[in-house]
Amino acid sequence: MEFHLLSIYVLFCLALRGSNASLPAEVYWKSMLPNTSMPKALQDLLQPEFKNGISTSTGDGGSYENRYGTAYWPELRKSNKVFIPSKTTIFFLYDDLLPHKIMTLNFTKSNKTSNFLPRKIAETIPFSSNMLPQILKYFSIKPSSKEAQFAKRTIEDCEAPNIRGENKYCATSLESLVDFVITKFGKKVQALANEAEKENREQEYTILKGIKMIGDKQIVCHKQRYAYAVFYCHTINATKAYTIPLEGVDGSKAKAIAVCHADTSAWNPKHIAFQILKVKPGGPPVCHFLNCDTIVWVPN
């Protein structure tokens, strides 16, 4: 039944590519959020590439633990190897969020991406740890592969209990993502993501005037590495989101999204942010830039 539905969707997508018609998820977005622009980061996930009826693309984590978040938990993973480029600014203190401050950034856009499935199809596919073997078989993923490891981690993250002050939800379709946001903020919302004229290029950026606090209530949705697009969405108390105008040394402009956490007392003492910034849980507010495939929602 699942493969039958997926095959029908493949044919439907191929037919729409040659027209100006919208895909069902786009239609749903416009009907539920008529006054909200869809970020390009989401638009890029709407029309997947298919082979033999199954999406051939796989997600690319491209960041610390995909969303900078799992180390908030009291338990550390058995393998806690973290790679962060030594020069790239990810975590920084709130006191450094100032015009003329220079930070090294790389607005990385992955060449590999897993795309959205329609909700009706996504809901027919299991999404739980005890069904992982069936999930891997369904998507022809070898159990010993890195893709299998990332799939396992994504499901475990989604099944893990909330940390203190967090409310989370994993959206397995664009439609379910929209529904979750509406239940929290209603239909008058903004959806924001990083914007950069130059991507996949590490360089120094200077913060320009015009830093804007866009909300002290936000939903942050991080794209996970999985066989299709899954977003880990969460709200965390005592946080503020900002848009930050930037100019690179090459003259290119960018607008980055950063989130600042006033209360880090529940974070793991071994969180990489504390190691980088030389501070302790419960200390000064900690900020971090978001990935280019992360979406921040704020009420209007």
C-alpha atoms as a PDB file:
ATOM      1  CA  MET A   1       0.000   0.000   0.000  1.00  0.00           C
ATOM      2  CA  GLU A   2       2.794   2.421   0.957  1.00  0.00           C
ATOM      3  CA  PHE A   3       4.749   1.826  -2.253  1.00  0.00           C
ATOM      4  CA  HIS A   4       1.573   2.189  -4.274  1.00  0.00           C
ATOM      5  CA  LEU A   5       0.886   5.595  -2.730  1.00  0.00           C
ATOM      6  CA  LEU A   6       4.501   6.665  -3.183  1.00  0.00           C
ATOM      7  CA  SER A   7       4.482   5.663  -6.850  1.00  0.00           C
ATOM      8  CA  ILE A   8       1.344   7.699  -7.452  1.00  0.00           C
ATOM      9  CA  TYR A   9       2.997  10.700  -5.793  1.00  0.00           C
ATOM     10  CA  VAL A  10       6.100  10.305  -7.973  1.00  0.00           C
ATOM     11  CA  LEU A  11       4.008  10.429 -11.138  1.00  0.00           C
ATOM     12  CA  PHE A  12       2.089  13.402  -9.762  1.00  0.00           C
ATOM     13  CA  CYS A  13       5.301  15.345  -9.026  1.00  0.00           C
ATOM     14  CA  LEU A  14       6.720  14.601 -12.451  1.00  0.00           C
ATOM     15  CA  ALA A  15       3.548  15.856 -14.073  1.00  0.00           C
ATOM     16  CA  LEU A  16       3.572  19.062 -12.038  1.00  0.00           C
ATOM     17  CA  ARG A  17       7.191  19.848 -12.853  1.00  0.00           C
ATOM     18  CA  GLY A  18       6.212  20.770 -16.357  1.00  0.00           C
ATOM     19  CA  SER A  19       3.471  23.117 -15.213  1.00  0.00           C
ATOM     20  CA  ASN A  20       2.986  26.088 -12.931  1.00  0.00           C
ATOM     21  CA  ALA A  21       0.745  24.127 -10.568  1.00  0.00           C
ATOM     22  CA  SER A  22       1.514  23.900  -6.870  1.00  0.00           C
ATOM     23  CA  LEU A  23       2.228  20.685  -5.044  1.00  0.00           C
ATOM     24  CA  PRO A  24      -0.320  19.634  -2.391  1.00  0.00           C
ATOM     25  CA  ALA A  25       1.953  20.754   0.462  1.00  0.00           C
ATOM     26  CA  GLU A  26       2.260  24.214  -1.079  1.00  0.00           C
ATOM     27  CA  VAL A  27      -1.504  24.427  -1.438  1.00  0.00           C
ATOM     28  CA  TYR A  28      -1.884  23.432   2.212  1.00  0.00           C
ATOM     29  CA  TRP A  29       0.619  26.084   3.301  1.00  0.00           C
ATOM     30  CA  LYS A  30      -1.203  28.794   1.356  1.00  0.00           C
ATOM     31  CA  SER A  31      -4.579  27.761   2.735  1.00  0.00           C
ATOM     32  CA  MET A  32      -3.424  27.625   6.354  1.00  0.00           C
ATOM     33  CA  LEU A  33      -0.822  30.424   6.325  1.00  0.00           C
ATOM     34  CA  PRO A  34      -1.985  32.780   3.573  1.00  0.00           C
ATOM     35  CA  ASN A  35       0.003  35.738   4.905  1.00  0.00           C
ATOM     36  CA  THR A  36       3.246  33.873   5.645  1.00  0.00           C
ATOM     37  CA  SER A  37       6.017  33.636   3.062  1.00  0.00           C
ATOM     38  CA  MET A  38       7.612  30.218   2.740  1.00  0.00           C
ATOM     39  CA  PRO A  39      11.400  30.380   3.253  1.00  0.00           C
ATOM     40  CA  LYS A  40      13.507  29.089   0.385  1.00  0.00           C
ATOM     41  CA  ALA A  41      14.945  26.487   2.765  1.00  0.00           C
ATOM     42  CA  LEU A  42      11.492  24.862   2.819  1.00  0.00           C
ATOM     43  CA  GLN A  43      10.678  25.480  -0.829  1.00  0.00           C
ATOM     44  CA  ASP A  44      13.778  23.513  -1.799  1.00  0.00           C
ATOM     45  CA  LEU A  45      12.408  20.446  -0.022  1.00  0.00           C
ATOM     46  CA  LEU A  46       9.103  20.219  -1.859  1.00  0.00           C
ATOM     47  CA  GLN A  47      10.035  18.434  -5.085  1.00  0.00           C
ATOM     48  CA  PRO A  48      12.298  15.429  -4.469  1.00  0.00           C
ATOM     49  CA  GLU A  49      14.364  13.482  -6.969  1.00  0.00           C
ATOM     50  CA  PHE A  50      13.116   9.939  -7.385  1.00  0.00           C
ATOM     51  CA  LYS A  51      14.490   6.678  -8.630  1.00  0.00           C
ATOM     52  CA  ASN A  52      12.380   3.543  -8.761  1.00  0.00           C
ATOM     53  CA  GLY A  53       9.670   5.299  -6.833  1.00  0.00           C
ATOM     54  CA  ILE A  54      11.805   6.115  -3.795  1.00  0.00           C
ATOM     55  CA  SER A  55      13.620   9.319  -2.957  1.00  0.00           C
ATOM     56  CA  THR A  56      17.313   8.787  -3.703  1.00  0.00           C
ATOM     57  CA  SER A  57      18.647  11.702  -1.713  1.00  0.00           C
ATOM     58  CA  THR A  58      19.821  11.497   1.869  1.00  0.00           C
ATOM     59  CA  GLY A  59      20.188  14.224   4.408  1.00  0.00           C
ATOM     60  CA  ASP A  60      23.486  15.777   5.275  1.00  0.00           C
ATOM     61  CA  GLY A  61      23.882  16.718   8.908  1.00  0.00           C
ATOM     62  CA  GLY A  62      26.539  19.349   8.342  1.00  0.00           C
ATOM     63  CA  SER A  63      26.533  20.604  11.902  1.00  0.00           C
ATOM     64  CA  TYR A  64      27.140  19.794  15.512  1.00  0.00           C
ATOM     65  CA  GLU A  65      24.593  17.122  16.367  1.00  0.00           C
ATOM     66  CA  ASN A  66      22.411  18.462  13.518  1.00  0.00           C
ATOM     67  CA  ARG A  67      20.762  21.055  15.716  1.00  0.00           C
ATOM     68  CA  TYR A  68      23.196  22.013  18.506  1.00  0.00           C
ATOM     69  CA  GLY A  69      20.684  20.570  20.902  1.00  0.00           C
ATOM     70  CA  THR A  70      21.156  17.005  22.041  1.00  0.00           C
ATOM     71  CA  ALA A  71      23.863  17.939  24.515  1.00  0.00           C
ATOM     72  CA  TYR A  72      21.252  19.858  26.495  1.00  0.00           C
ATOM     73  CA  TRP A  73      20.182  16.491  27.860  1.00  0.00           C
ATOM     74  CA  PRO A  74      21.591  15.180  31.146  1.00  0.00           C
ATOM     75  CA  GLU A  75      22.865  12.017  29.424  1.00  0.00           C
ATOM     76  CA  LEU A  76      25.769  12.126  26.997  1.00  0.00           C
ATOM     77  CA  ARG A  77      25.923   9.784  24.041  1.00  0.00           C
ATOM     78  CA  LYS A  78      28.358   6.878  24.217  1.00  0.00           C
ATOM     79  CA  SER A  79      30.140   8.448  21.262  1.00  0.00           C
ATOM     80  CA  ASN A  80      30.514  12.148  21.928  1.00  0.00           C
ATOM     81  CA  LYS A  81      32.907  13.021  19.125  1.00  0.00           C
ATOM     82  CA  VAL A  82      32.124  16.528  17.956  1.00  0.00           C
ATOM     83  CA  PHE A  83      33.709  18.288  15.015  1.00  0.00           C
ATOM     84  CA  ILE A  84      33.482  22.055  14.878  1.00  0.00           C
ATOM     85  CA  PRO A  85      35.755  23.998  12.521  1.00  0.00           C
ATOM     86  CA  SER A  86      38.213  25.836  14.732  1.00  0.00           C
ATOM     87  CA  LYS A  87      37.686  29.224  13.080  1.00  0.00           C
ATOM     88  CA  THR A  88      33.958  29.161  12.498  1.00  0.00           C
ATOM     89  CA  THR A  89      31.788  31.027  14.988  1.00  0.00           C
ATOM     90  CA  ILE A  90      28.855  28.949  16.184  1.00  0.00           C
ATOM     91  CA  PHE A  91      28.429  29.751  19.857  1.00  0.00           C
ATOM     92  CA  PHE A  92      29.057  33.210  21.239  1.00  0.00           C
ATOM     93  CA  LEU A  93      28.114  35.285  24.265  1.00  0.00           C
ATOM     94  CA  TYR A  94      25.231  37.719  24.161  1.00  0.00           C
ATOM     95  CA  ASP A  95      27.627  40.547  25.014  1.00  0.00           C
ATOM     96  CA  ASP A  96      29.313  39.934  21.644  1.00  0.00           C
ATOM     97  CA  LEU A  97      26.130  40.602  19.704  1.00  0.00           C
ATOM     98  CA  LEU A  98      27.179  44.105  18.663  1.00  0.00           C
ATOM     99  CA  PRO A  99      27.629  46.095  15.446  1.00  0.00           C
ATOM    100  CA  HIS A 100      31.197  46.019  14.061  1.00  0.00           C
ATOM    101  CA  LYS A 101      31.892  42.682  15.743  1.00  0.00           C
ATOM    102  CA  ILE A 102      33.694  40.304  13.370  1.00  0.00           C
ATOM    103  CA  MET A 103      32.784  36.629  13.221  1.00  0.00           C
ATOM    104  CA  THR A 104      33.887  33.837  10.905  1.00  0.00           C
ATOM    105  CA  LEU A 105      30.888  32.115   9.314  1.00  0.00           C
ATOM    106  CA  ASN A 106      30.085  29.644   6.580  1.00  0.00           C
ATOM    107  CA  PHE A 107      26.536  29.581   5.270  1.00  0.00           C
ATOM    108  CA  THR A 108      26.658  25.951   4.277  1.00  0.00           C
ATOM    109  CA  LYS A 109      24.059  24.641   1.885  1.00  0.00           C
ATOM    110  CA  SER A 110      24.212  20.885   1.564  1.00  0.00           C
ATOM    111  CA  ASN A 111      24.318  19.346  -1.879  1.00  0.00           C
ATOM    112  CA  LYS A 112      22.501  16.363  -0.475  1.00  0.00           C
ATOM    113  CA  THR A 113      19.084  16.792   1.015  1.00  0.00           C
ATOM    114  CA  SER A 114      16.145  14.646   1.922  1.00  0.00           C
ATOM    115  CA  ASN A 115      12.843  16.102   0.843  1.00  0.00           C
ATOM    116  CA  PHE A 116       9.304  16.199   2.135  1.00  0.00           C
ATOM    117  CA  LEU A 117       6.839  13.406   1.599  1.00  0.00           C
ATOM    118  CA  PRO A 118       3.123  14.231   1.585  1.00  0.00           C
ATOM    119  CA  ARG A 119       1.545  13.725   4.985  1.00  0.00           C
ATOM    120  CA  LYS A 120      -0.717  10.918   3.756  1.00  0.00           C
ATOM    121  CA  ILE A 121       2.344   8.955   2.657  1.00  0.00           C
ATOM    122  CA  ALA A 122       4.574   9.875   5.617  1.00  0.00           C
ATOM    123  CA  GLU A 123       1.883   8.721   8.026  1.00  0.00           C
ATOM    124  CA  THR A 124       1.872   5.231   6.474  1.00  0.00           C
ATOM    125  CA  ILE A 125       5.601   4.798   7.152  1.00  0.00           C
ATOM    126  CA  PRO A 126       6.629   3.731  10.692  1.00  0.00           C
ATOM    127  CA  PHE A 127       8.602   6.238  12.737  1.00  0.00           C
ATOM    128  CA  SER A 128       9.704   4.565  15.955  1.00  0.00           C
ATOM    129  CA  SER A 129      12.793   2.862  17.354  1.00  0.00           C
ATOM    130  CA  ASN A 130      11.171  -0.547  17.580  1.00  0.00           C
ATOM    131  CA  MET A 131      10.354  -0.382  13.868  1.00  0.00           C
ATOM    132  CA  LEU A 132      13.810   0.728  12.744  1.00  0.00           C
ATOM    133  CA  PRO A 133      14.631  -2.505  10.837  1.00  0.00           C
ATOM    134  CA  GLN A 134      11.453  -2.131   8.789  1.00  0.00           C
ATOM    135  CA  ILE A 135      12.196   1.556   8.149  1.00  0.00           C
ATOM    136  CA  LEU A 136      15.701   0.798   6.889  1.00  0.00           C
ATOM    137  CA  LYS A 137      14.386  -1.969   4.668  1.00  0.00           C
ATOM    138  CA  TYR A 138      11.663   0.286   3.307  1.00  0.00           C
ATOM    139  CA  PHE A 139      14.204   2.869   2.156  1.00  0.00           C
ATOM    140  CA  SER A 140      16.856   0.316   1.137  1.00  0.00           C
ATOM    141  CA  ILE A 141      19.285   1.617   3.756  1.00  0.00           C
ATOM    142  CA  LYS A 142      22.018  -0.774   4.859  1.00  0.00           C
ATOM    143  CA  PRO A 143      21.885  -1.312   8.653  1.00  0.00           C
ATOM    144  CA  SER A 144      25.664  -0.821   8.894  1.00  0.00           C
ATOM    145  CA  SER A 145      25.660   2.485   6.993  1.00  0.00           C
ATOM    146  CA  LYS A 146      26.024   6.025   8.310  1.00  0.00           C
ATOM    147  CA  GLU A 147      22.530   6.748   7.005  1.00  0.00           C
ATOM    148  CA  ALA A 148      21.192   4.039   9.314  1.00  0.00           C
ATOM    149  CA  GLN A 149      23.049   5.554  12.263  1.00  0.00           C
ATOM    150  CA  PHE A 150      21.613   8.973  11.550  1.00  0.00           C
ATOM    151  CA  ALA A 151      18.112   7.555  11.122  1.00  0.00           C
ATOM    152  CA  LYS A 152      18.413   5.809  14.484  1.00  0.00           C
ATOM    153  CA  ARG A 153      19.665   8.991  16.143  1.00  0.00           C
ATOM    154  CA  THR A 154      16.881  11.098  14.660  1.00  0.00           C
ATOM    155  CA  ILE A 155      14.183   8.767  15.939  1.00  0.00           C
ATOM    156  CA  GLU A 156      15.822   8.551  19.364  1.00  0.00           C
ATOM    157  CA  ASP A 157      16.008  12.339  19.581  1.00  0.00           C
ATOM    158  CA  CYS A 158      12.327  12.574  18.707  1.00  0.00           C
ATOM    159  CA  GLU A 159      11.361   9.943  21.270  1.00  0.00           C
ATOM    160  CA  ALA A 160      13.504  11.351  24.094  1.00  0.00           C
ATOM    161  CA  PRO A 161      11.734  13.182  26.929  1.00  0.00           C
ATOM    162  CA  ASN A 162      11.676  16.962  26.966  1.00  0.00           C
ATOM    163  CA  ILE A 163      14.337  18.770  28.905  1.00  0.00           C
ATOM    164  CA  ARG A 164      13.207  21.301  31.492  1.00  0.00           C
ATOM    165  CA  GLY A 165      11.536  24.227  29.793  1.00  0.00           C
ATOM    166  CA  GLU A 166      11.344  22.538  26.397  1.00  0.00           C
ATOM    167  CA  ASN A 167       8.290  21.599  24.353  1.00  0.00           C
ATOM    168  CA  LYS A 168       9.195  19.572  21.282  1.00  0.00           C
ATOM    169  CA  TYR A 169       7.622  17.884  18.285  1.00  0.00           C
ATOM    170  CA  CYS A 170       8.999  16.043  15.258  1.00  0.00           C
ATOM    171  CA  ALA A 171       7.247  16.896  12.014  1.00  0.00           C
ATOM    172  CA  THR A 172       7.452  14.234   9.313  1.00  0.00           C
ATOM    173  CA  SER A 173       5.729  16.348   6.656  1.00  0.00           C
ATOM    174  CA  LEU A 174       5.321  20.000   5.781  1.00  0.00           C
ATOM    175  CA  GLU A 175       1.632  19.752   6.593  1.00  0.00           C
ATOM    176  CA  SER A 176       2.286  18.439  10.106  1.00  0.00           C
ATOM    177  CA  LEU A 177       4.929  21.130  10.584  1.00  0.00           C
ATOM    178  CA  VAL A 178       2.389  23.815   9.707  1.00  0.00           C
ATOM    179  CA  ASP A 179      -0.212  22.273  12.021  1.00  0.00           C
ATOM    180  CA  PHE A 180       2.189  22.221  14.968  1.00  0.00           C
ATOM    181  CA  VAL A 181       3.074  25.880  14.530  1.00  0.00           C
ATOM    182  CA  ILE A 182      -0.575  26.886  14.282  1.00  0.00           C
ATOM    183  CA  THR A 183      -1.435  25.035  17.509  1.00  0.00           C
ATOM    184  CA  LYS A 184       1.218  27.100  19.298  1.00  0.00           C
ATOM    185  CA  PHE A 185       1.033  30.521  17.655  1.00  0.00           C
ATOM    186  CA  GLY A 186      -2.038  30.603  15.470  1.00  0.00           C
ATOM    187  CA  LYS A 187      -1.971  31.580  11.796  1.00  0.00           C
ATOM    188  CA  LYS A 188      -0.359  35.002  12.150  1.00  0.00           C
ATOM    189  CA  VAL A 189       3.285  33.975  12.070  1.00  0.00           C
ATOM    190  CA  GLN A 190       6.574  34.605  10.323  1.00  0.00           C
ATOM    191  CA  ALA A 191       8.840  31.806   9.119  1.00  0.00           C
ATOM    192  CA  LEU A 192      12.481  32.883   8.928  1.00  0.00           C
ATOM    193  CA  ALA A 193      15.760  31.316   7.849  1.00  0.00           C
ATOM    194  CA  ASN A 194      19.288  32.430   7.053  1.00  0.00           C
ATOM    195  CA  GLU A 195      19.792  34.343   3.810  1.00  0.00           C
ATOM    196  CA  ALA A 196      23.212  34.679   2.214  1.00  0.00           C
ATOM    197  CA  GLU A 197      24.446  35.899  -1.154  1.00  0.00           C
ATOM    198  CA  LYS A 198      27.454  33.576  -0.938  1.00  0.00           C
ATOM    199  CA  GLU A 199      27.033  30.005   0.273  1.00  0.00           C
ATOM    200  CA  ASN A 200      29.571  27.304   1.097  1.00  0.00           C
ATOM    201  CA  ARG A 201      32.306  29.849   1.624  1.00  0.00           C
ATOM    202  CA  GLU A 202      33.950  30.407   4.978  1.00  0.00           C
ATOM    203  CA  GLN A 203      34.902  34.023   5.522  1.00  0.00           C
ATOM    204  CA  GLU A 204      34.885  36.811   8.070  1.00  0.00           C
ATOM    205  CA  TYR A 205      31.649  38.745   8.399  1.00  0.00           C
ATOM    206  CA  THR A 206      31.158  42.051  10.152  1.00  0.00           C
ATOM    207  CA  ILE A 207      27.923  42.583  12.057  1.00  0.00           C
ATOM    208  CA  LEU A 208      26.153  45.641  10.695  1.00  0.00           C
ATOM    209  CA  LYS A 209      23.754  48.012  12.392  1.00  0.00           C
ATOM    210  CA  GLY A 210      20.173  46.790  12.408  1.00  0.00           C
ATOM    211  CA  ILE A 211      20.258  43.806  14.756  1.00  0.00           C
ATOM    212  CA  LYS A 212      16.619  42.999  15.429  1.00  0.00           C
ATOM    213  CA  MET A 213      15.065  40.962  18.207  1.00  0.00           C
ATOM    214  CA  ILE A 214      12.277  39.110  16.397  1.00  0.00           C
ATOM    215  CA  GLY A 215      10.708  37.436  19.386  1.00  0.00           C
ATOM    216  CA  ASP A 216      11.081  36.089  22.885  1.00  0.00           C
ATOM    217  CA  LYS A 217       8.685  33.331  21.920  1.00  0.00           C
ATOM    218  CA  GLN A 218       9.744  31.202  19.014  1.00  0.00           C
ATOM    219  CA  ILE A 219       9.608  27.723  17.582  1.00  0.00           C
ATOM    220  CA  VAL A 220      12.904  26.533  16.172  1.00  0.00           C
ATOM    221  CA  CYS A 221      12.728  23.668  13.683  1.00  0.00           C
ATOM    222  CA  HIS A 222      15.954  21.853  12.806  1.00  0.00           C
ATOM    223  CA  LYS A 223      16.123  19.581   9.794  1.00  0.00           C
ATOM    224  CA  GLN A 224      17.341  16.126  10.705  1.00  0.00           C
ATOM    225  CA  ARG A 225      19.413  13.670   8.716  1.00  0.00           C
ATOM    226  CA  TYR A 226      16.858  11.107   7.638  1.00  0.00           C
ATOM    227  CA  ALA A 227      15.518   9.287   4.577  1.00  0.00           C
ATOM    228  CA  TYR A 228      12.998  12.069   4.031  1.00  0.00           C
ATOM    229  CA  ALA A 229      12.533  15.531   5.506  1.00  0.00           C
ATOM    230  CA  VAL A 230      11.936  15.412   9.265  1.00  0.00           C
ATOM    231  CA  PHE A 231      12.097  18.567  11.373  1.00  0.00           C
ATOM    232  CA  TYR A 232      12.805  18.551  15.095  1.00  0.00           C
ATOM    233  CA  CYS A 233      10.825  21.521  16.392  1.00  0.00           C
ATOM    234  CA  HIS A 234      11.077  22.850  19.910  1.00  0.00           C
ATOM    235  CA  THR A 235      10.374  25.799  22.101  1.00  0.00           C
ATOM    236  CA  ILE A 236      12.664  26.579  25.014  1.00  0.00           C
ATOM    237  CA  ASN A 237      11.929  28.983  27.818  1.00  0.00           C
ATOM    238  CA  ALA A 238      14.021  32.106  28.357  1.00  0.00           C
ATOM    239  CA  THR A 239      15.219  32.432  24.777  1.00  0.00           C
ATOM    240  CA  LYS A 240      15.221  35.276  22.273  1.00  0.00           C
ATOM    241  CA  ALA A 241      15.699  35.127  18.506  1.00  0.00           C
ATOM    242  CA  TYR A 242      17.506  37.769  16.458  1.00  0.00           C
ATOM    243  CA  THR A 243      18.093  38.622  12.833  1.00  0.00           C
ATOM    244  CA  ILE A 244      21.642  39.841  12.295  1.00  0.00           C
ATOM    245  CA  PRO A 245      22.708  41.781   9.166  1.00  0.00           C
ATOM    246  CA  LEU A 246      26.210  40.893   8.017  1.00  0.00           C
ATOM    247  CA  GLU A 247      28.765  41.895   5.412  1.00  0.00           C
ATOM    248  CA  GLY A 248      31.539  39.561   4.300  1.00  0.00           C
ATOM    249  CA  VAL A 249      35.088  40.572   3.513  1.00  0.00           C
ATOM    250  CA  ASP A 250      34.227  40.063  -0.159  1.00  0.00           C
ATOM    251  CA  GLY A 251      31.371  42.568   0.113  1.00  0.00           C
ATOM    252  CA  SER A 252      28.591  39.967   0.000  1.00  0.00           C
ATOM    253  CA  LYS A 253      25.644  40.473   2.333  1.00  0.00           C
ATOM    254  CA  ALA A 254      23.863  38.010   4.572  1.00  0.00           C
ATOM    255  CA  LYS A 255      21.184  37.952   7.220  1.00  0.00           C
ATOM    256  CA  ALA A 256      21.712  35.335   9.908  1.00  0.00           C
ATOM    257  CA  ILE A 257      19.345  34.002  12.519  1.00  0.00           C
ATOM    258  CA  ALA A 258      20.661  33.535  16.038  1.00  0.00           C
ATOM    259  CA  VAL A 259      19.029  32.327  19.220  1.00  0.00           C
ATOM    260  CA  CYS A 260      20.194  33.435  22.662  1.00  0.00           C
ATOM    261  CA  HIS A 261      19.524  31.369  25.781  1.00  0.00           C
ATOM    262  CA  ALA A 262      19.295  33.286  29.044  1.00  0.00           C
ATOM    263  CA  ASP A 263      18.997  30.143  31.172  1.00  0.00           C
ATOM    264  CA  THR A 264      21.561  27.393  30.559  1.00  0.00           C
ATOM    265  CA  SER A 265      21.256  25.816  33.994  1.00  0.00           C
ATOM    266  CA  ALA A 266      19.615  22.651  32.572  1.00  0.00           C
ATOM    267  CA  TRP A 267      22.308  22.097  29.949  1.00  0.00           C
ATOM    268  CA  ASN A 268      24.839  19.334  30.238  1.00  0.00           C
ATOM    269  CA  PRO A 269      27.991  20.681  31.934  1.00  0.00           C
ATOM    270  CA  LYS A 270      30.006  19.114  29.090  1.00  0.00           C
ATOM    271  CA  HIS A 271      28.055  20.964  26.412  1.00  0.00           C
ATOM    272  CA  ILE A 272      30.452  22.074  23.697  1.00  0.00           C
ATOM    273  CA  ALA A 273      29.306  25.697  24.129  1.00  0.00           C
ATOM    274  CA  PHE A 274      30.746  25.790  27.631  1.00  0.00           C
ATOM    275  CA  GLN A 275      34.026  24.357  26.366  1.00  0.00           C
ATOM    276  CA  ILE A 276      34.268  26.977  23.623  1.00  0.00           C
ATOM    277  CA  LEU A 277      33.141  29.972  25.658  1.00  0.00           C
ATOM    278  CA  LYS A 278      34.787  28.994  28.956  1.00  0.00           C
ATOM    279  CA  VAL A 279      31.584  29.494  30.954  1.00  0.00           C
ATOM    280  CA  LYS A 280      29.463  27.230  33.128  1.00  0.00           C
ATOM    281  CA  PRO A 281      25.778  26.211  33.194  1.00  0.00           C
ATOM    282  CA  GLY A 282      23.656  29.015  34.574  1.00  0.00           C
ATOM    283  CA  GLY A 283      26.248  31.598  33.569  1.00  0.00           C
ATOM    284  CA  PRO A 284      25.962  34.429  31.023  1.00  0.00           C
ATOM    285  CA  PRO A 285      23.488  34.112  28.140  1.00  0.00           C
ATOM    286  CA  VAL A 286      24.750  31.862  25.351  1.00  0.00           C
ATOM    287  CA  CYS A 287      23.867  32.523  21.710  1.00  0.00           C
ATOM    288  CA  HIS A 288      24.331  30.429  18.605  1.00  0.00           C
ATOM    289  CA  PHE A 289      23.773  30.828  14.904  1.00  0.00           C
ATOM    290  CA  LEU A 290      21.354  28.462  13.223  1.00  0.00           C
ATOM    291  CA  ASN A 291      21.950  26.193  10.265  1.00  0.00           C
ATOM    292  CA  CYS A 292      20.800  27.269   6.834  1.00  0.00           C
ATOM    293  CA  ASP A 293      18.129  24.560   6.842  1.00  0.00           C
ATOM    294  CA  THR A 294      16.760  25.593  10.247  1.00  0.00           C
ATOM    295  CA  ILE A 295      13.477  27.518  10.393  1.00  0.00           C
ATOM    296  CA  VAL A 296      12.496  29.954  13.136  1.00  0.00           C
ATOM    297  CA  TRP A 297       8.821  30.745  13.631  1.00  0.00           C
ATOM    298  CA  VAL A 298       7.677  33.806  15.535  1.00  0.00           C
ATOM    299  CA  PRO A 299       4.176  35.206  16.046  1.00  0.00           C
ATOM    300  CA  ASN A 300       3.376  38.504  14.341  1.00  0.00           C
END
